[in-house]
Amino acid sequence: MSKKKAFALRINEDMLKAVEKWATDEFRSTNGQIEWMLTESLRKAKRQPKRSSEKP
């Protein structure tokens, strides 16, 4: 499993409310929703990070 790094995110209050609502509708946490949105955006732009090979 890849290592996760915490960081602060400044976001417009209305945008955050919209993301929170979307997360609730999708049965995800707000953090999980943001991570999913970023992953989808990277995938669509063909900019996904290369996966490091997992060690057994």
PDB file of N, CA and C in Angstrom:
ATOM      1  N   MET A   1       0.844  -1.171   0.000  1.00  0.00           N
ATOM      2  CA  MET A   1       0.000   0.000   0.000  1.00  0.00           C
ATOM      3  C   MET A   1       0.891   1.237   0.000  1.00  0.00           C
ATOM      4  N   SER A   2       0.516   2.237  -0.776  1.00  0.00           N
ATOM      5  CA  SER A   2       1.335   3.438  -0.854  1.00  0.00           C
ATOM      6  C   SER A   2       1.199   4.285   0.411  1.00  0.00           C
ATOM      7  N   LYS A   3       2.269   4.986   0.699  1.00  0.00           N
ATOM      8  CA  LYS A   3       2.316   5.838   1.877  1.00  0.00           C
ATOM      9  C   LYS A   3       1.467   7.083   1.632  1.00  0.00           C
ATOM     10  N   LYS A   4       0.734   7.524   2.636  1.00  0.00           N
ATOM     11  CA  LYS A   4      -0.086   8.724   2.509  1.00  0.00           C
ATOM     12  C   LYS A   4       0.552   9.857   3.284  1.00  0.00           C
ATOM     13  N   LYS A   5       0.429  11.043   2.748  1.00  0.00           N
ATOM     14  CA  LYS A   5       1.016  12.225   3.364  1.00  0.00           C
ATOM     15  C   LYS A   5      -0.096  13.228   3.646  1.00  0.00           C
ATOM     16  N   ALA A   6      -0.137  13.759   4.849  1.00  0.00           N
ATOM     17  CA  ALA A   6      -1.139  14.751   5.227  1.00  0.00           C
ATOM     18  C   ALA A   6      -0.661  16.150   4.835  1.00  0.00           C
ATOM     19  N   PHE A   7      -1.609  16.994   4.442  1.00  0.00           N
ATOM     20  CA  PHE A   7      -1.291  18.395   4.160  1.00  0.00           C
ATOM     21  C   PHE A   7      -2.559  19.225   4.321  1.00  0.00           C
ATOM     22  N   ALA A   8      -2.372  20.517   4.567  1.00  0.00           N
ATOM     23  CA  ALA A   8      -3.513  21.423   4.715  1.00  0.00           C
ATOM     24  C   ALA A   8      -4.031  21.831   3.340  1.00  0.00           C
ATOM     25  N   LEU A   9      -5.338  21.935   3.223  1.00  0.00           N
ATOM     26  CA  LEU A   9      -5.954  22.344   1.971  1.00  0.00           C
ATOM     27  C   LEU A   9      -6.880  23.518   2.253  1.00  0.00           C
ATOM     28  N   ARG A  10      -6.635  24.619   1.585  1.00  0.00           N
ATOM     29  CA  ARG A  10      -7.522  25.778   1.694  1.00  0.00           C
ATOM     30  C   ARG A  10      -8.507  25.695   0.541  1.00  0.00           C
ATOM     31  N   ILE A  11      -9.800  25.748   0.881  1.00  0.00           N
ATOM     32  CA  ILE A  11     -10.833  25.582  -0.135  1.00  0.00           C
ATOM     33  C   ILE A  11     -12.003  26.494   0.193  1.00  0.00           C
ATOM     34  N   ASN A  12     -12.620  27.015  -0.825  1.00  0.00           N
ATOM     35  CA  ASN A  12     -13.791  27.869  -0.678  1.00  0.00           C
ATOM     36  C   ASN A  12     -14.882  27.112   0.085  1.00  0.00           C
ATOM     37  N   GLU A  13     -15.542  27.794   1.005  1.00  0.00           N
ATOM     38  CA  GLU A  13     -16.552  27.144   1.852  1.00  0.00           C
ATOM     39  C   GLU A  13     -17.677  26.511   1.043  1.00  0.00           C
ATOM     40  N   ASP A  14     -18.157  27.199   0.020  1.00  0.00           N
ATOM     41  CA  ASP A  14     -19.240  26.650  -0.802  1.00  0.00           C
ATOM     42  C   ASP A  14     -18.784  25.411  -1.570  1.00  0.00           C
ATOM     43  N   MET A  15     -17.537  25.438  -2.045  1.00  0.00           N
ATOM     44  CA  MET A  15     -17.003  24.284  -2.750  1.00  0.00           C
ATOM     45  C   MET A  15     -16.886  23.094  -1.801  1.00  0.00           C
ATOM     46  N   LEU A  16     -16.422  23.347  -0.588  1.00  0.00           N
ATOM     47  CA  LEU A  16     -16.297  22.272   0.391  1.00  0.00           C
ATOM     48  C   LEU A  16     -17.664  21.678   0.711  1.00  0.00           C
ATOM     49  N   LYS A  17     -18.670  22.503   0.866  1.00  0.00           N
ATOM     50  CA  LYS A  17     -20.027  22.004   1.138  1.00  0.00           C
ATOM     51  C   LYS A  17     -20.509  21.106  -0.006  1.00  0.00           C
ATOM     52  N   ALA A  18     -20.206  21.510  -1.245  1.00  0.00           N
ATOM     53  CA  ALA A  18     -20.607  20.706  -2.408  1.00  0.00           C
ATOM     54  C   ALA A  18     -19.883  19.363  -2.406  1.00  0.00           C
ATOM     55  N   VAL A  19     -18.588  19.367  -2.069  1.00  0.00           N
ATOM     56  CA  VAL A  19     -17.817  18.118  -2.012  1.00  0.00           C
ATOM     57  C   VAL A  19     -18.335  17.236  -0.880  1.00  0.00           C
ATOM     58  N   GLU A  20     -18.642  17.833   0.264  1.00  0.00           N
ATOM     59  CA  GLU A  20     -19.184  17.058   1.396  1.00  0.00           C
ATOM     60  C   GLU A  20     -20.507  16.402   1.027  1.00  0.00           C
ATOM     61  N   LYS A  21     -21.364  17.129   0.327  1.00  0.00           N
ATOM     62  CA  LYS A  21     -22.656  16.577  -0.103  1.00  0.00           C
ATOM     63  C   LYS A  21     -22.437  15.430  -1.077  1.00  0.00           C
ATOM     64  N   TRP A  22     -21.531  15.611  -2.038  1.00  0.00           N
ATOM     65  CA  TRP A  22     -21.221  14.577  -3.011  1.00  0.00           C
ATOM     66  C   TRP A  22     -20.674  13.341  -2.300  1.00  0.00           C
ATOM     67  N   ALA A  23     -19.784  13.556  -1.340  1.00  0.00           N
ATOM     68  CA  ALA A  23     -19.210  12.442  -0.581  1.00  0.00           C
ATOM     69  C   ALA A  23     -20.299  11.667   0.146  1.00  0.00           C
ATOM     70  N   THR A  24     -21.212  12.383   0.765  1.00  0.00           N
ATOM     71  CA  THR A  24     -22.320  11.727   1.466  1.00  0.00           C
ATOM     72  C   THR A  24     -23.160  10.901   0.497  1.00  0.00           C
ATOM     73  N   ASP A  25     -23.454  11.475  -0.663  1.00  0.00           N
ATOM     74  CA  ASP A  25     -24.242  10.768  -1.684  1.00  0.00           C
ATOM     75  C   ASP A  25     -23.549   9.506  -2.176  1.00  0.00           C
ATOM     76  N   GLU A  26     -22.216   9.493  -2.167  1.00  0.00           N
ATOM     77  CA  GLU A  26     -21.426   8.359  -2.651  1.00  0.00           C
ATOM     78  C   GLU A  26     -20.956   7.435  -1.517  1.00  0.00           C
ATOM     79  N   PHE A  27     -21.415   7.716  -0.289  1.00  0.00           N
ATOM     80  CA  PHE A  27     -21.035   6.923   0.894  1.00  0.00           C
ATOM     81  C   PHE A  27     -19.520   6.913   1.112  1.00  0.00           C
ATOM     82  N   ARG A  28     -18.904   8.094   0.937  1.00  0.00           N
ATOM     83  CA  ARG A  28     -17.471   8.253   1.173  1.00  0.00           C
ATOM     84  C   ARG A  28     -17.261   9.341   2.218  1.00  0.00           C
ATOM     85  N   SER A  29     -16.068   9.350   2.807  1.00  0.00           N
ATOM     86  CA  SER A  29     -15.676  10.473   3.653  1.00  0.00           C
ATOM     87  C   SER A  29     -15.330  11.641   2.726  1.00  0.00           C
ATOM     88  N   THR A  30     -15.289  12.832   3.277  1.00  0.00           N
ATOM     89  CA  THR A  30     -14.902  13.992   2.473  1.00  0.00           C
ATOM     90  C   THR A  30     -13.484  13.800   1.944  1.00  0.00           C
ATOM     91  N   ASN A  31     -12.586  13.334   2.802  1.00  0.00           N
ATOM     92  CA  ASN A  31     -11.213  13.088   2.371  1.00  0.00           C
ATOM     93  C   ASN A  31     -11.168  12.036   1.258  1.00  0.00           C
ATOM     94  N   GLY A  32     -11.918  10.966   1.429  1.00  0.00           N
ATOM     95  CA  GLY A  32     -11.978   9.919   0.411  1.00  0.00           C
ATOM     96  C   GLY A  32     -12.532  10.436  -0.905  1.00  0.00           C
ATOM     97  N   GLN A  33     -13.507  11.336  -0.828  1.00  0.00           N
ATOM     98  CA  GLN A  33     -14.089  11.911  -2.044  1.00  0.00           C
ATOM     99  C   GLN A  33     -13.070  12.776  -2.777  1.00  0.00           C
ATOM    100  N   ILE A  34     -12.348  13.597  -2.039  1.00  0.00           N
ATOM    101  CA  ILE A  34     -11.329  14.450  -2.657  1.00  0.00           C
ATOM    102  C   ILE A  34     -10.239  13.596  -3.296  1.00  0.00           C
ATOM    103  N   GLU A  35      -9.831  12.535  -2.596  1.00  0.00           N
ATOM    104  CA  GLU A  35      -8.813  11.646  -3.147  1.00  0.00           C
ATOM    105  C   GLU A  35      -9.329  10.973  -4.424  1.00  0.00           C
ATOM    106  N   TRP A  36     -10.577  10.544  -4.417  1.00  0.00           N
ATOM    107  CA  TRP A  36     -11.182   9.921  -5.596  1.00  0.00           C
ATOM    108  C   TRP A  36     -11.239  10.917  -6.759  1.00  0.00           C
ATOM    109  N   MET A  37     -11.634  12.165  -6.465  1.00  0.00           N
ATOM    110  CA  MET A  37     -11.723  13.193  -7.500  1.00  0.00           C
ATOM    111  C   MET A  37     -10.349  13.456  -8.127  1.00  0.00           C
ATOM    112  N   LEU A  38      -9.329  13.532  -7.289  1.00  0.00           N
ATOM    113  CA  LEU A  38      -7.976  13.748  -7.796  1.00  0.00           C
ATOM    114  C   LEU A  38      -7.508  12.566  -8.639  1.00  0.00           C
ATOM    115  N   THR A  39      -7.781  11.359  -8.159  1.00  0.00           N
ATOM    116  CA  THR A  39      -7.397  10.156  -8.901  1.00  0.00           C
ATOM    117  C   THR A  39      -8.070  10.122 -10.275  1.00  0.00           C
ATOM    118  N   GLU A  40      -9.363  10.428 -10.313  1.00  0.00           N
ATOM    119  CA  GLU A  40     -10.095  10.440 -11.581  1.00  0.00           C
ATOM    120  C   GLU A  40      -9.559  11.513 -12.527  1.00  0.00           C
ATOM    121  N   SER A  41      -9.262  12.683 -11.987  1.00  0.00           N
ATOM    122  CA  SER A  41      -8.718  13.762 -12.821  1.00  0.00           C
ATOM    123  C   SER A  41      -7.360  13.381 -13.397  1.00  0.00           C
ATOM    124  N   LEU A  42      -6.514  12.788 -12.581  1.00  0.00           N
ATOM    125  CA  LEU A  42      -5.198  12.343 -13.053  1.00  0.00           C
ATOM    126  C   LEU A  42      -5.343  11.248 -14.115  1.00  0.00           C
ATOM    127  N   ARG A  43      -6.275  10.326 -13.903  1.00  0.00           N
ATOM    128  CA  ARG A  43      -6.493   9.244 -14.861  1.00  0.00           C
ATOM    129  C   ARG A  43      -6.968   9.794 -16.204  1.00  0.00           C
ATOM    130  N   LYS A  44      -7.933  10.695 -16.169  1.00  0.00           N
ATOM    131  CA  LYS A  44      -8.474  11.265 -17.410  1.00  0.00           C
ATOM    132  C   LYS A  44      -7.430  12.079 -18.167  1.00  0.00           C
ATOM    133  N   ALA A  45      -6.528  12.710 -17.435  1.00  0.00           N
ATOM    134  CA  ALA A  45      -5.464  13.508 -18.066  1.00  0.00           C
ATOM    135  C   ALA A  45      -4.243  12.649 -18.407  1.00  0.00           C
ATOM    136  N   LYS A  46      -4.350  11.343 -18.134  1.00  0.00           N
ATOM    137  CA  LYS A  46      -3.249  10.400 -18.356  1.00  0.00           C
ATOM    138  C   LYS A  46      -1.974  10.858 -17.634  1.00  0.00           C
ATOM    139  N   ARG A  47      -2.152  11.247 -16.372  1.00  0.00           N
ATOM    140  CA  ARG A  47      -1.042  11.734 -15.550  1.00  0.00           C
ATOM    141  C   ARG A  47      -0.951  10.978 -14.217  1.00  0.00           C
ATOM    142  N   GLN A  48      -1.443   9.744 -14.191  1.00  0.00           N
ATOM    143  CA  GLN A  48      -1.365   8.961 -12.958  1.00  0.00           C
ATOM    144  C   GLN A  48       0.079   8.750 -12.577  1.00  0.00           C
ATOM    145  N   PRO A  49       0.354   8.776 -11.285  1.00  0.00           N
ATOM    146  CA  PRO A  49       1.731   8.465 -10.861  1.00  0.00           C
ATOM    147  C   PRO A  49       2.025   6.995 -11.134  1.00  0.00           C
ATOM    148  N   LYS A  50       3.274   6.715 -11.429  1.00  0.00           N
ATOM    149  CA  LYS A  50       3.677   5.317 -11.630  1.00  0.00           C
ATOM    150  C   LYS A  50       3.610   4.617 -10.288  1.00  0.00           C
ATOM    151  N   ARG A  51       3.063   3.426 -10.296  1.00  0.00           N
ATOM    152  CA  ARG A  51       2.955   2.645  -9.052  1.00  0.00           C
ATOM    153  C   ARG A  51       4.281   1.981  -8.760  1.00  0.00           C
ATOM    154  N   SER A  52       4.734   2.124  -7.523  1.00  0.00           N
ATOM    155  CA  SER A  52       5.950   1.428  -7.133  1.00  0.00           C
ATOM    156  C   SER A  52       5.593  -0.027  -6.884  1.00  0.00           C
ATOM    157  N   SER A  53       6.491  -0.919  -7.211  1.00  0.00           N
ATOM    158  CA  SER A  53       6.200  -2.339  -7.009  1.00  0.00           C
ATOM    159  C   SER A  53       6.119  -2.613  -5.515  1.00  0.00           C
ATOM    160  N   GLU A  54       5.062  -3.331  -5.150  1.00  0.00           N
ATOM    161  CA  GLU A  54       4.857  -3.657  -3.747  1.00  0.00           C
ATOM    162  C   GLU A  54       5.805  -4.769  -3.321  1.00  0.00           C
ATOM    163  N   LYS A  55       6.345  -4.614  -2.133  1.00  0.00           N
ATOM    164  CA  LYS A  55       7.260  -5.625  -1.601  1.00  0.00           C
ATOM    165  C   LYS A  55       6.461  -6.691  -0.868  1.00  0.00           C
ATOM    166  N   PRO A  56       6.836  -7.964  -1.044  1.00  0.00           N
ATOM    167  CA  PRO A  56       6.096  -9.052  -0.393  1.00  0.00           C
ATOM    168  C   PRO A  56       6.262  -9.054   1.103  1.00  0.00           C
TER     169      PRO A  56
END
